[in-house]
Every structure is written in structure tokens, then in C-alpha cells.
Amino acid sequence: MRRKTDSLWRNRSFLAVWSGETVSEIGGSIGSLTNSWLAYQLTGSEAALGSMLMTYFLPSLLVQLAAGPYLDRWNRRRVMICSQWARGAAFLLPLLMLSLGRLEIWHLHLVSLINGLIQPFYVPSSLAFLPTIVPKEQLPSANAAMDGTVRLMMVVGPPLGGLALAACGTGATIGAVCIAYLASGAFLLVCEDDTADKADAKESWVRQFTAGMRYFRRQRVLLWLGIFLSFVQFAVGAAMVLNPAYVTDDLHGDSFQYGLFVAGYPCGYALGSLLIGRTRELRRCRWIMLGSLFFGGLTFIALAGIHHIGLAILTEVVAGVAAPFFHVHSTSLYQRMVPSELLGRVLSVRLLIIRTAMPLGILLSGFWAESWGVRPIYAVIGFVICLTSLAGILLPWFSFLEEQQENCENFVQM
């Protein structure tokens, strides 16, 4: 563990994790784009793309539920390394089949399935590993750097993937994805090993899972942060369905403008993460966190009334800038409050909430949009988020959120 006076960017273990995450996210973005491209080339069907997403998503929910307790038994660094290398190995299958001229759609479904099964192991392990290599007072800056980088790579990766497909061909692009995942795992080899306390391996899965759930329920701060987060993820899922129709039909934008609209939120998120990392002694934690959610709800309401594509893109950027002020603080609170031997399973519960709310938003928004249209859905979602976050800010019952205010203070400059 580094001393608190050391710079975050002089922490070798953090640099290794951050570098690995950067390479991994670029590779993952390019890999997803390439998989989608190949699936459409093989089938010519949009339904095939949707089924491949479901192949990724649904099995991962079951694994998320089952894997949580075991993550607190295992060495988290090794779980992360094995996860990245397994992802890289998965892309070797379509690379081999493509070189043999025998690539079929089920090969791509298998890659999607493997990546979906690995995600529930990697994400909670990486979040639980970070507090073991970074001092507590530097966790907000560390989370901001990691989260902002992930969002930025979501913008950079797809254009790079498109250029790679056009310039180098499909085989070389898939090969680059394999190398990116292998390099990500290699970066983690130089980290300090996970020295955190481990859960008792003799305890049954049921007892460990129950212990994690009990802790989650007892800590009202964590429980309500999860509930607030579920509203946000519902909105994110809904936006995935609504955005294409909104840009093309309501705003009469072309494919390039749609790309700019989609990139606006992660670009703003990266900027907001940078601002968080350079903030000192943040106070009134509840107002800052839930205020950012309220502001995000206002951007949905604004989109319902905007009729110019440029303003819509700018609104998405502004929404992205506000979002990290909730997400980064929320993650830091989880990492600080939860004992290390419970952190993996508690973070798994948090991730399960995210992964459950998002598909619900996808399903319901598609149904509602056919009956009501896109703009009314944006407005309803915005009002719900605003009312929920405003209740958290103003109602005295939620004053317990201020009990953890000290966890939002002493931000250290990145």
C-alpha cells in the first residue's frame, strides 16, 4: 500500500491496473464492433445482432448471482489476469475459423457468451482489488481515472475498429483484439499481490451469499445508493432503444450525427471524471451526488423539447459531465465502507442491480415508444429521475446519507 503523500500516478500497481484497463477497453470496443460487423456480414439480419447481445447478457446475470461469494475467497489479481487472458483466447476461435474460411455465426455467439460469462468475475474483482493498492483518501481520484478512461475508450475504440477493419482487414483486427487482452493481463503481473483478508473457504455458498446480502441491507447508505443507481440504469437501457429513432426520425440526423450524439455522453463523462479527480474537500456529499442525478434527469427532459441536433449533442455532453459526480462517489463509498472479506460479493449485488435494471429499461421503452413516441418517454424518464433524486436531497429521512460525508471529503489531486 502506498503512503497517502505519494502521487497516485507514482503508484506502480495503480499504473499497471489503469494501463491494463485502458488496453482492455480499446480491445473490447474494437472486438464488439468487429463481432457485430461479422455477424451482419454473415446473416444480413439485425435480429442476429440482437440475439448476440442477449447471448452476452442473459447468462452473465446468472453467473453474477452465483459468483459473488467466491470472489471473496480467490486472489483478485489472479482472477483479473485469467479473465483478460480468457477473453483474448476466446477471440482466437473466430480468427482461426476466418483464416480457414469456415467462420459461422455460432462462432461469434460463442465469443459473446464467453465474454458475458467472464464479465461478472472481472468487474467486481477489479473494483474490490483497487482499495488494496490505493490509499482510501485517493480512491475517489483512482475511481475517477479508471471510470473516465473506460468511457473515453468507448468513444475512441469504435472509430479505431472501423479504421482497422477498412485498412487492415478482419483477421488483423481480431488479432489485435487478442493481443490487447493478453497485454492487459500482462500489465497486471507487475501489481502488488492482493493482500486483503479473504472469506472463509469453509463456509458454504449460501452462507456467504446471505452474509453479503445482510450487510447490503443493513447499510442503508449502500442500499439506497443501489436503488438510486437502478433508476439511472433503467434510463440508460431505455436510451439505447430510443436514441436511434430520436436522432434519425425526430431530429432528421444522419449516421455521422448519430455517432456524435452517442459519443457525447462518454466524452462528457471523461471530462467530468477529470474534474472530480482534481477536486479537494468536497462537502455536502448528499447534495453533490443526488444533485448530479437531478441534473441528469433535467437533460432527459431537455431532450424531449430539443429540435436541433447540435443542441441534442451538447445536452448529452453536459449529461455526461454530471454523471460521474454520482457514480464515482458511490463506488468509493462502497470500497471504503465494506470490509474487504465482503467487498467482492457486495459489489456483485451492486452490479446485479445495474444489469437487471438496464434490460428492463430496454424492454419497456421499446413497448412504450410504439404507443407514445420517443419524446414523451424521455420526458417521463426525466421527471422520474428528478423526483427521485429531489426526494433524496430534501426529505429528512434521507439524512443518513450525510453520515458518510467524511467519505466524500479529502479528495486528493490526481
Protein backbone atom coordinates (compact mmCIF):
# COMPACT_ATOMS: atom_id res chain seq x y z
CA MET A 1 0.00 0.00 0.00
CA ARG A 2 1.36 3.41 -0.96
CA ARG A 3 1.68 6.22 1.57
CA LYS A 4 -1.01 8.85 1.28
CA THR A 5 1.60 11.51 0.41
CA ASP A 6 2.63 9.62 -2.71
CA SER A 7 1.15 10.68 -6.04
CA LEU A 8 -1.47 8.34 -7.42
CA TRP A 9 0.40 8.29 -10.72
CA ARG A 10 3.60 7.14 -8.99
CA ASN A 11 1.84 4.08 -7.63
CA ARG A 12 3.21 1.27 -9.80
CA SER A 13 0.33 -1.10 -9.05
CA PHE A 14 -2.30 1.51 -9.90
CA LEU A 15 -0.49 2.43 -13.12
CA ALA A 16 -0.42 -1.24 -14.08
CA VAL A 17 -4.16 -1.65 -13.44
CA TRP A 18 -5.00 1.60 -15.23
CA SER A 19 -2.81 0.70 -18.23
CA GLY A 20 -4.31 -2.77 -18.40
CA GLU A 21 -7.83 -1.35 -18.23
CA THR A 22 -7.06 1.14 -20.99
CA VAL A 23 -5.71 -1.51 -23.34
CA SER A 24 -8.55 -3.87 -22.43
CA GLU A 25 -11.27 -1.31 -23.12
CA ILE A 26 -9.80 -0.41 -26.51
CA GLY A 27 -9.60 -4.08 -27.39
CA GLY A 28 -13.09 -4.76 -26.08
CA SER A 29 -14.63 -1.88 -28.05
CA ILE A 30 -12.90 -2.98 -31.24
CA GLY A 31 -13.86 -6.60 -30.56
CA SER A 32 -17.53 -5.76 -30.08
CA LEU A 33 -17.58 -3.71 -33.27
CA THR A 34 -15.84 -6.47 -35.23
CA ASN A 35 -18.17 -9.15 -33.88
CA SER A 36 -21.22 -7.10 -34.84
CA TRP A 37 -19.79 -6.38 -38.27
CA LEU A 38 -19.06 -10.04 -38.94
CA ALA A 39 -22.47 -11.14 -37.67
CA TYR A 40 -24.23 -8.78 -40.05
CA GLN A 41 -21.97 -9.78 -42.94
CA LEU A 42 -22.74 -13.45 -42.32
CA THR A 43 -26.51 -13.12 -41.82
CA GLY A 44 -27.63 -9.73 -43.15
CA SER A 45 -30.02 -9.68 -40.19
CA GLU A 46 -30.45 -7.09 -37.44
CA ALA A 47 -32.12 -9.82 -35.37
CA ALA A 48 -28.84 -11.73 -35.36
CA LEU A 49 -27.15 -8.75 -33.71
CA GLY A 50 -29.87 -8.59 -31.06
CA SER A 51 -29.62 -12.31 -30.33
CA MET A 52 -25.86 -12.00 -29.94
CA LEU A 53 -26.35 -9.25 -27.34
CA MET A 54 -28.77 -11.49 -25.46
CA THR A 55 -26.22 -14.32 -25.62
CA TYR A 56 -23.81 -11.99 -23.85
CA PHE A 57 -26.24 -10.53 -21.36
CA LEU A 58 -28.60 -13.20 -20.00
CA PRO A 59 -26.09 -15.90 -18.95
CA SER A 60 -23.94 -13.26 -17.28
CA LEU A 61 -26.82 -12.40 -14.93
CA LEU A 62 -26.91 -15.97 -13.64
CA VAL A 63 -23.14 -16.06 -13.22
CA GLN A 64 -23.27 -12.69 -11.45
CA LEU A 65 -25.64 -14.16 -8.91
CA ALA A 66 -23.60 -17.32 -8.36
CA ALA A 67 -20.05 -15.97 -8.46
CA GLY A 68 -20.23 -13.19 -5.84
CA PRO A 69 -19.34 -15.20 -2.71
CA TYR A 70 -16.45 -16.98 -4.41
CA LEU A 71 -14.81 -13.72 -5.43
CA ASP A 72 -14.04 -13.03 -1.77
CA ARG A 73 -12.24 -16.37 -1.48
CA TRP A 74 -9.99 -16.02 -4.50
CA ASN A 75 -6.94 -13.91 -5.24
CA ARG A 76 -8.46 -10.95 -7.08
CA ARG A 77 -5.40 -10.10 -9.13
CA ARG A 78 -5.25 -13.65 -10.47
CA VAL A 79 -8.96 -13.59 -11.28
CA MET A 80 -8.41 -10.39 -13.28
CA ILE A 81 -5.41 -11.80 -15.15
CA CYS A 82 -7.16 -15.06 -16.01
CA SER A 83 -10.26 -13.15 -17.10
CA GLN A 84 -8.32 -10.99 -19.55
CA TRP A 85 -6.36 -13.88 -20.98
CA ALA A 86 -9.54 -15.96 -21.35
CA ARG A 87 -11.12 -13.11 -23.30
CA GLY A 88 -8.13 -12.94 -25.59
CA ALA A 89 -8.21 -16.70 -26.10
CA ALA A 90 -11.93 -16.57 -26.97
CA PHE A 91 -11.22 -14.33 -29.98
CA LEU A 92 -8.76 -16.88 -31.31
CA LEU A 93 -11.72 -19.03 -32.39
CA PRO A 94 -13.16 -16.63 -35.00
CA LEU A 95 -9.62 -15.74 -36.05
CA LEU A 96 -8.86 -19.40 -36.75
CA MET A 97 -12.19 -20.08 -38.46
CA LEU A 98 -11.84 -16.94 -40.57
CA SER A 99 -8.38 -17.98 -41.73
CA LEU A 100 -9.78 -21.41 -42.67
CA GLY A 101 -12.76 -19.85 -44.45
CA ARG A 102 -15.18 -21.68 -42.17
CA LEU A 103 -16.48 -18.90 -39.96
CA GLU A 104 -20.12 -19.34 -38.91
CA ILE A 105 -22.46 -17.25 -36.81
CA TRP A 106 -22.35 -19.66 -33.87
CA HIS A 107 -18.62 -18.97 -33.51
CA LEU A 108 -19.43 -15.33 -32.86
CA HIS A 109 -22.20 -16.28 -30.44
CA LEU A 110 -19.72 -18.43 -28.54
CA VAL A 111 -17.30 -15.50 -28.23
CA SER A 112 -20.13 -13.30 -26.98
CA LEU A 113 -21.18 -15.98 -24.49
CA ILE A 114 -17.65 -16.40 -23.11
CA ASN A 115 -17.21 -12.65 -22.68
CA GLY A 116 -20.57 -12.42 -20.94
CA LEU A 117 -19.63 -15.21 -18.54
CA ILE A 118 -16.27 -13.59 -17.74
CA GLN A 119 -17.60 -10.08 -17.05
CA PRO A 120 -19.18 -10.96 -13.65
CA PHE A 121 -15.80 -12.18 -12.45
CA TYR A 122 -13.65 -9.35 -13.75
CA VAL A 123 -15.62 -6.21 -12.82
CA PRO A 124 -16.28 -6.89 -9.10
CA SER A 125 -12.74 -8.25 -8.70
CA SER A 126 -11.20 -5.12 -10.20
CA LEU A 127 -13.33 -2.81 -8.02
CA ALA A 128 -12.52 -4.85 -4.90
CA PHE A 129 -8.81 -5.01 -5.82
CA LEU A 130 -8.38 -1.24 -6.13
CA PRO A 131 -8.66 -0.48 -2.36
CA THR A 132 -5.83 -2.96 -1.70
CA ILE A 133 -3.34 -0.97 -3.81
CA VAL A 134 -4.59 2.62 -3.35
CA PRO A 135 -4.92 4.54 -0.04
CA LYS A 136 -8.51 5.29 0.96
CA GLU A 137 -8.10 9.04 0.56
CA GLN A 138 -7.02 8.51 -3.06
CA LEU A 139 -9.89 6.18 -4.01
CA PRO A 140 -12.11 8.94 -5.49
CA SER A 141 -9.27 10.09 -7.77
CA ALA A 142 -8.43 6.49 -8.67
CA ASN A 143 -12.05 5.62 -9.46
CA ALA A 144 -12.43 8.82 -11.47
CA ALA A 145 -9.34 7.98 -13.53
CA MET A 146 -10.47 4.41 -14.15
CA ASP A 147 -14.09 5.29 -14.91
CA GLY A 148 -13.19 8.24 -17.11
CA THR A 149 -10.72 6.14 -19.09
CA VAL A 150 -13.32 3.43 -19.68
CA ARG A 151 -15.81 5.98 -21.02
CA LEU A 152 -13.20 7.63 -23.20
CA MET A 153 -12.20 4.30 -24.71
CA MET A 154 -15.86 3.73 -25.55
CA VAL A 155 -15.51 6.76 -27.83
CA VAL A 156 -12.04 6.01 -29.21
CA GLY A 157 -12.45 2.25 -29.69
CA PRO A 158 -15.22 2.03 -32.32
CA PRO A 159 -13.66 4.53 -34.76
CA LEU A 160 -10.31 2.77 -34.38
CA GLY A 161 -12.04 -0.53 -35.01
CA GLY A 162 -13.70 0.82 -38.14
CA LEU A 163 -10.40 2.16 -39.44
CA ALA A 164 -8.66 -1.14 -38.65
CA LEU A 165 -11.32 -3.15 -40.48
CA ALA A 166 -11.04 -0.91 -43.53
CA ALA A 167 -7.24 -0.65 -43.59
CA CYS A 168 -6.03 -3.98 -42.23
CA GLY A 169 -8.86 -6.41 -42.74
CA THR A 170 -10.94 -8.51 -40.38
CA GLY A 171 -8.28 -11.06 -39.49
CA ALA A 172 -5.69 -8.49 -38.45
CA THR A 173 -8.28 -6.60 -36.42
CA ILE A 174 -9.31 -9.71 -34.49
CA GLY A 175 -5.62 -10.48 -33.94
CA ALA A 176 -5.15 -7.01 -32.45
CA VAL A 177 -8.05 -7.65 -30.06
CA CYS A 178 -6.39 -10.87 -28.86
CA ILE A 179 -3.10 -9.05 -28.31
CA ALA A 180 -4.86 -6.23 -26.39
CA TYR A 181 -6.41 -8.66 -23.91
CA LEU A 182 -3.18 -10.61 -23.48
CA ALA A 183 -1.28 -7.35 -22.90
CA SER A 184 -3.88 -6.24 -20.36
CA GLY A 185 -3.32 -9.37 -18.32
CA ALA A 186 0.44 -8.96 -18.62
CA PHE A 187 0.26 -5.44 -17.15
CA LEU A 188 -1.42 -6.88 -14.07
CA LEU A 189 1.52 -9.21 -13.45
CA VAL A 190 3.59 -6.31 -12.10
CA CYS A 191 0.94 -5.33 -9.50
CA GLU A 192 1.41 -5.92 -5.82
CA ASP A 193 -0.49 -9.07 -4.96
CA ASP A 194 -3.86 -8.95 -3.25
CA THR A 195 -3.13 -8.92 0.49
CA ALA A 196 -6.72 -8.31 1.59
CA ASP A 197 -8.45 -10.60 4.04
CA LYS A 198 -10.26 -13.47 2.37
CA ALA A 199 -13.60 -15.01 3.20
CA ASP A 200 -13.58 -18.35 4.98
CA ALA A 201 -13.34 -21.00 2.27
CA LYS A 202 -15.10 -23.49 4.56
CA GLU A 203 -18.34 -21.51 4.54
CA SER A 204 -21.00 -22.67 2.11
CA TRP A 205 -22.03 -20.58 -0.88
CA VAL A 206 -25.44 -19.97 0.72
CA ARG A 207 -23.94 -18.66 3.97
CA GLN A 208 -21.52 -16.37 2.15
CA PHE A 209 -24.18 -15.07 -0.22
CA THR A 210 -26.56 -14.49 2.70
CA ALA A 211 -23.84 -12.65 4.64
CA GLY A 212 -23.26 -10.32 1.70
CA MET A 213 -26.97 -9.63 1.28
CA ARG A 214 -27.42 -8.99 5.02
CA TYR A 215 -24.59 -6.49 5.03
CA PHE A 216 -26.03 -4.78 1.96
CA ARG A 217 -29.46 -4.47 3.60
CA ARG A 218 -28.10 -3.31 6.96
CA GLN A 219 -26.15 -0.45 5.41
CA ARG A 220 -28.91 1.93 4.37
CA VAL A 221 -26.41 4.11 2.51
CA LEU A 222 -25.35 1.27 0.23
CA LEU A 223 -28.91 0.03 -0.23
CA TRP A 224 -30.29 3.40 -1.27
CA LEU A 225 -27.33 4.20 -3.47
CA GLY A 226 -28.13 0.95 -5.25
CA ILE A 227 -31.78 1.95 -5.60
CA PHE A 228 -30.89 5.38 -6.98
CA LEU A 229 -28.45 3.70 -9.36
CA SER A 230 -31.19 1.36 -10.61
CA PHE A 231 -33.21 4.36 -11.83
CA VAL A 232 -30.18 5.62 -13.72
CA GLN A 233 -29.50 2.25 -15.34
CA PHE A 234 -33.15 1.90 -16.32
CA ALA A 235 -32.82 5.23 -18.12
CA VAL A 236 -29.58 4.11 -19.80
CA GLY A 237 -31.28 0.96 -21.09
CA ALA A 238 -34.23 2.97 -22.36
CA ALA A 239 -31.92 5.42 -24.13
CA MET A 240 -30.23 2.56 -26.00
CA VAL A 241 -33.58 1.84 -27.66
CA LEU A 242 -34.83 5.41 -28.04
CA ASN A 243 -31.70 7.20 -29.28
CA PRO A 244 -31.59 5.87 -32.88
CA ALA A 245 -35.23 6.83 -33.55
CA TYR A 246 -34.78 10.16 -31.77
CA VAL A 247 -31.81 11.22 -33.89
CA THR A 248 -32.96 9.88 -37.26
CA ASP A 249 -36.74 10.42 -37.11
CA ASP A 250 -37.26 13.33 -34.71
CA LEU A 251 -34.09 15.32 -35.42
CA HIS A 252 -33.59 14.12 -39.03
CA GLY A 253 -29.91 13.39 -38.40
CA ASP A 254 -27.65 11.18 -40.47
CA SER A 255 -25.41 8.31 -39.33
CA PHE A 256 -22.47 10.63 -38.62
CA GLN A 257 -24.61 12.88 -36.43
CA TYR A 258 -25.93 9.82 -34.64
CA GLY A 259 -22.34 8.79 -33.93
CA LEU A 260 -21.64 12.24 -32.48
CA PHE A 261 -24.77 12.04 -30.34
CA VAL A 262 -23.79 8.63 -28.94
CA ALA A 263 -20.22 9.82 -28.32
CA GLY A 264 -21.40 12.95 -26.48
CA TYR A 265 -22.22 11.24 -23.19
CA PRO A 266 -18.95 9.27 -22.75
CA CYS A 267 -16.93 12.33 -23.82
CA GLY A 268 -18.66 14.41 -21.17
CA TYR A 269 -18.23 11.60 -18.64
CA ALA A 270 -14.48 11.56 -19.21
CA LEU A 271 -14.37 15.33 -18.66
CA GLY A 272 -16.46 15.05 -15.51
CA SER A 273 -14.17 12.32 -14.17
CA LEU A 274 -11.19 14.60 -14.72
CA LEU A 275 -12.93 17.37 -12.76
CA ILE A 276 -13.64 15.02 -9.86
CA GLY A 277 -10.04 13.90 -9.66
CA ARG A 278 -8.90 17.50 -9.29
CA THR A 279 -11.43 18.50 -6.61
CA ARG A 280 -10.43 18.96 -2.98
CA GLU A 281 -12.50 18.71 0.19
CA LEU A 282 -15.87 18.13 -1.38
CA ARG A 283 -18.63 18.76 1.18
CA ARG A 284 -22.40 18.19 1.36
CA CYS A 285 -21.99 14.80 -0.20
CA ARG A 286 -25.71 14.09 -0.50
CA TRP A 287 -26.35 17.32 -2.40
CA ILE A 288 -23.48 16.72 -4.80
CA MET A 289 -24.29 13.09 -5.57
CA LEU A 290 -28.07 13.32 -5.83
CA GLY A 291 -27.85 16.78 -7.35
CA SER A 292 -25.93 15.28 -10.25
CA LEU A 293 -28.74 12.75 -10.73
CA PHE A 294 -31.31 15.56 -10.67
CA PHE A 295 -29.30 17.40 -13.29
CA GLY A 296 -29.14 14.23 -15.39
CA GLY A 297 -32.92 13.96 -15.20
CA LEU A 298 -33.21 17.54 -16.45
CA THR A 299 -31.16 16.62 -19.53
CA PHE A 300 -33.71 13.90 -20.41
CA ILE A 301 -36.49 16.47 -20.10
CA ALA A 302 -34.46 18.86 -22.25
CA LEU A 303 -34.05 16.24 -24.97
CA ALA A 304 -37.84 15.89 -25.10
CA GLY A 305 -38.11 19.53 -26.18
CA ILE A 306 -34.99 19.95 -28.35
CA HIS A 307 -35.40 20.05 -32.14
CA HIS A 308 -31.82 20.76 -33.23
CA ILE A 309 -29.21 18.02 -33.46
CA GLY A 310 -26.39 20.31 -32.28
CA LEU A 311 -28.23 21.17 -29.07
CA ALA A 312 -29.06 17.50 -28.52
CA ILE A 313 -25.37 16.54 -28.80
CA LEU A 314 -24.40 19.35 -26.41
CA THR A 315 -27.06 18.17 -23.95
CA GLU A 316 -25.58 14.66 -23.99
CA VAL A 317 -22.13 16.08 -23.29
CA VAL A 318 -23.49 18.06 -20.33
CA ALA A 319 -25.29 14.96 -19.02
CA GLY A 320 -22.02 13.05 -19.22
CA VAL A 321 -20.14 15.72 -17.25
CA ALA A 322 -22.68 15.49 -14.39
CA ALA A 323 -22.88 11.68 -14.21
CA PRO A 324 -19.50 10.85 -12.54
CA PHE A 325 -20.34 13.02 -9.55
CA PHE A 326 -22.73 10.26 -8.51
CA HIS A 327 -21.09 7.15 -9.92
CA VAL A 328 -17.52 7.78 -8.76
CA HIS A 329 -18.57 8.83 -5.25
CA SER A 330 -20.91 5.85 -4.99
CA THR A 331 -18.17 3.38 -5.94
CA SER A 332 -15.74 5.00 -3.50
CA LEU A 333 -18.26 4.73 -0.66
CA TYR A 334 -18.74 1.03 -1.33
CA GLN A 335 -14.98 0.45 -1.34
CA ARG A 336 -14.48 2.37 1.91
CA MET A 337 -17.44 1.10 3.91
CA VAL A 338 -17.47 -2.62 3.09
CA PRO A 339 -14.97 -4.93 4.81
CA SER A 340 -12.50 -6.46 2.38
CA GLU A 341 -13.70 -10.01 3.03
CA LEU A 342 -17.23 -8.98 1.93
CA LEU A 343 -16.39 -6.49 -0.79
CA GLY A 344 -16.50 -8.85 -3.77
CA ARG A 345 -19.98 -10.19 -3.04
CA VAL A 346 -21.42 -6.77 -2.09
CA LEU A 347 -20.10 -5.25 -5.32
CA SER A 348 -21.60 -8.22 -7.16
CA VAL A 349 -25.00 -7.33 -5.71
CA ARG A 350 -24.49 -3.77 -6.90
CA LEU A 351 -23.56 -4.97 -10.39
CA LEU A 352 -26.55 -7.30 -10.41
CA ILE A 353 -28.83 -4.30 -9.77
CA ILE A 354 -27.25 -2.50 -12.70
CA ARG A 355 -27.56 -5.48 -15.01
CA THR A 356 -31.19 -6.10 -14.04
CA ALA A 357 -32.46 -2.54 -14.36
CA MET A 358 -30.90 -1.94 -17.77
CA PRO A 359 -32.69 -4.73 -19.72
CA LEU A 360 -35.94 -3.74 -18.01
CA GLY A 361 -35.48 -0.27 -19.47
CA ILE A 362 -34.75 -1.77 -22.87
CA LEU A 363 -37.89 -3.92 -22.87
CA LEU A 364 -40.34 -1.35 -21.51
CA SER A 365 -39.10 1.61 -23.53
CA GLY A 366 -39.46 -0.30 -26.79
CA PHE A 367 -43.06 -1.15 -25.92
CA TRP A 368 -43.91 2.34 -24.70
CA ALA A 369 -42.27 4.11 -27.65
CA GLU A 370 -44.59 2.37 -30.12
CA SER A 371 -47.61 3.73 -28.24
CA TRP A 372 -46.44 7.15 -27.04
CA GLY A 373 -43.49 8.15 -29.21
CA VAL A 374 -39.91 8.90 -28.20
CA ARG A 375 -40.20 12.41 -26.75
CA PRO A 376 -42.86 11.61 -24.12
CA ILE A 377 -40.73 8.68 -22.90
CA TYR A 378 -37.72 10.97 -22.49
CA ALA A 379 -39.86 13.41 -20.52
CA VAL A 380 -41.33 10.72 -18.24
CA ILE A 381 -37.92 9.20 -17.52
CA GLY A 382 -36.51 12.65 -16.77
CA PHE A 383 -39.34 13.53 -14.38
CA VAL A 384 -38.99 10.21 -12.54
CA ILE A 385 -35.25 10.69 -12.04
CA CYS A 386 -35.72 14.31 -10.96
CA LEU A 387 -38.45 13.48 -8.45
CA THR A 388 -36.50 10.53 -7.02
CA SER A 389 -33.25 12.45 -6.61
CA LEU A 390 -35.07 15.53 -5.28
CA ALA A 391 -36.72 13.36 -2.62
CA GLY A 392 -33.30 12.07 -1.61
CA ILE A 393 -31.97 15.62 -1.31
CA LEU A 394 -34.86 17.27 0.55
CA LEU A 395 -36.62 14.64 2.66
CA PRO A 396 -35.23 14.47 6.23
CA TRP A 397 -35.49 10.68 6.19
CA PHE A 398 -32.53 10.55 3.80
CA SER A 399 -30.29 12.48 6.18
CA PHE A 400 -28.47 9.22 6.93
CA LEU A 401 -26.67 9.74 3.63
CA GLU A 402 -24.85 12.62 5.30
CA GLU A 403 -23.45 10.24 7.92
CA GLN A 404 -20.91 9.16 5.35
CA GLN A 405 -19.98 12.70 4.35
CA GLU A 406 -16.42 12.23 5.56
CA ASN A 407 -16.03 9.57 2.90
CA CYS A 408 -16.55 12.23 0.24
CA GLU A 409 -14.03 14.66 1.70
CA ASN A 410 -10.25 14.93 1.44
CA PHE A 411 -10.15 14.46 -2.29
CA VAL A 412 -6.55 14.25 -3.39
CA GLN A 413 -5.42 15.89 -6.60
CA MET A 414 -4.62 13.38 -9.31
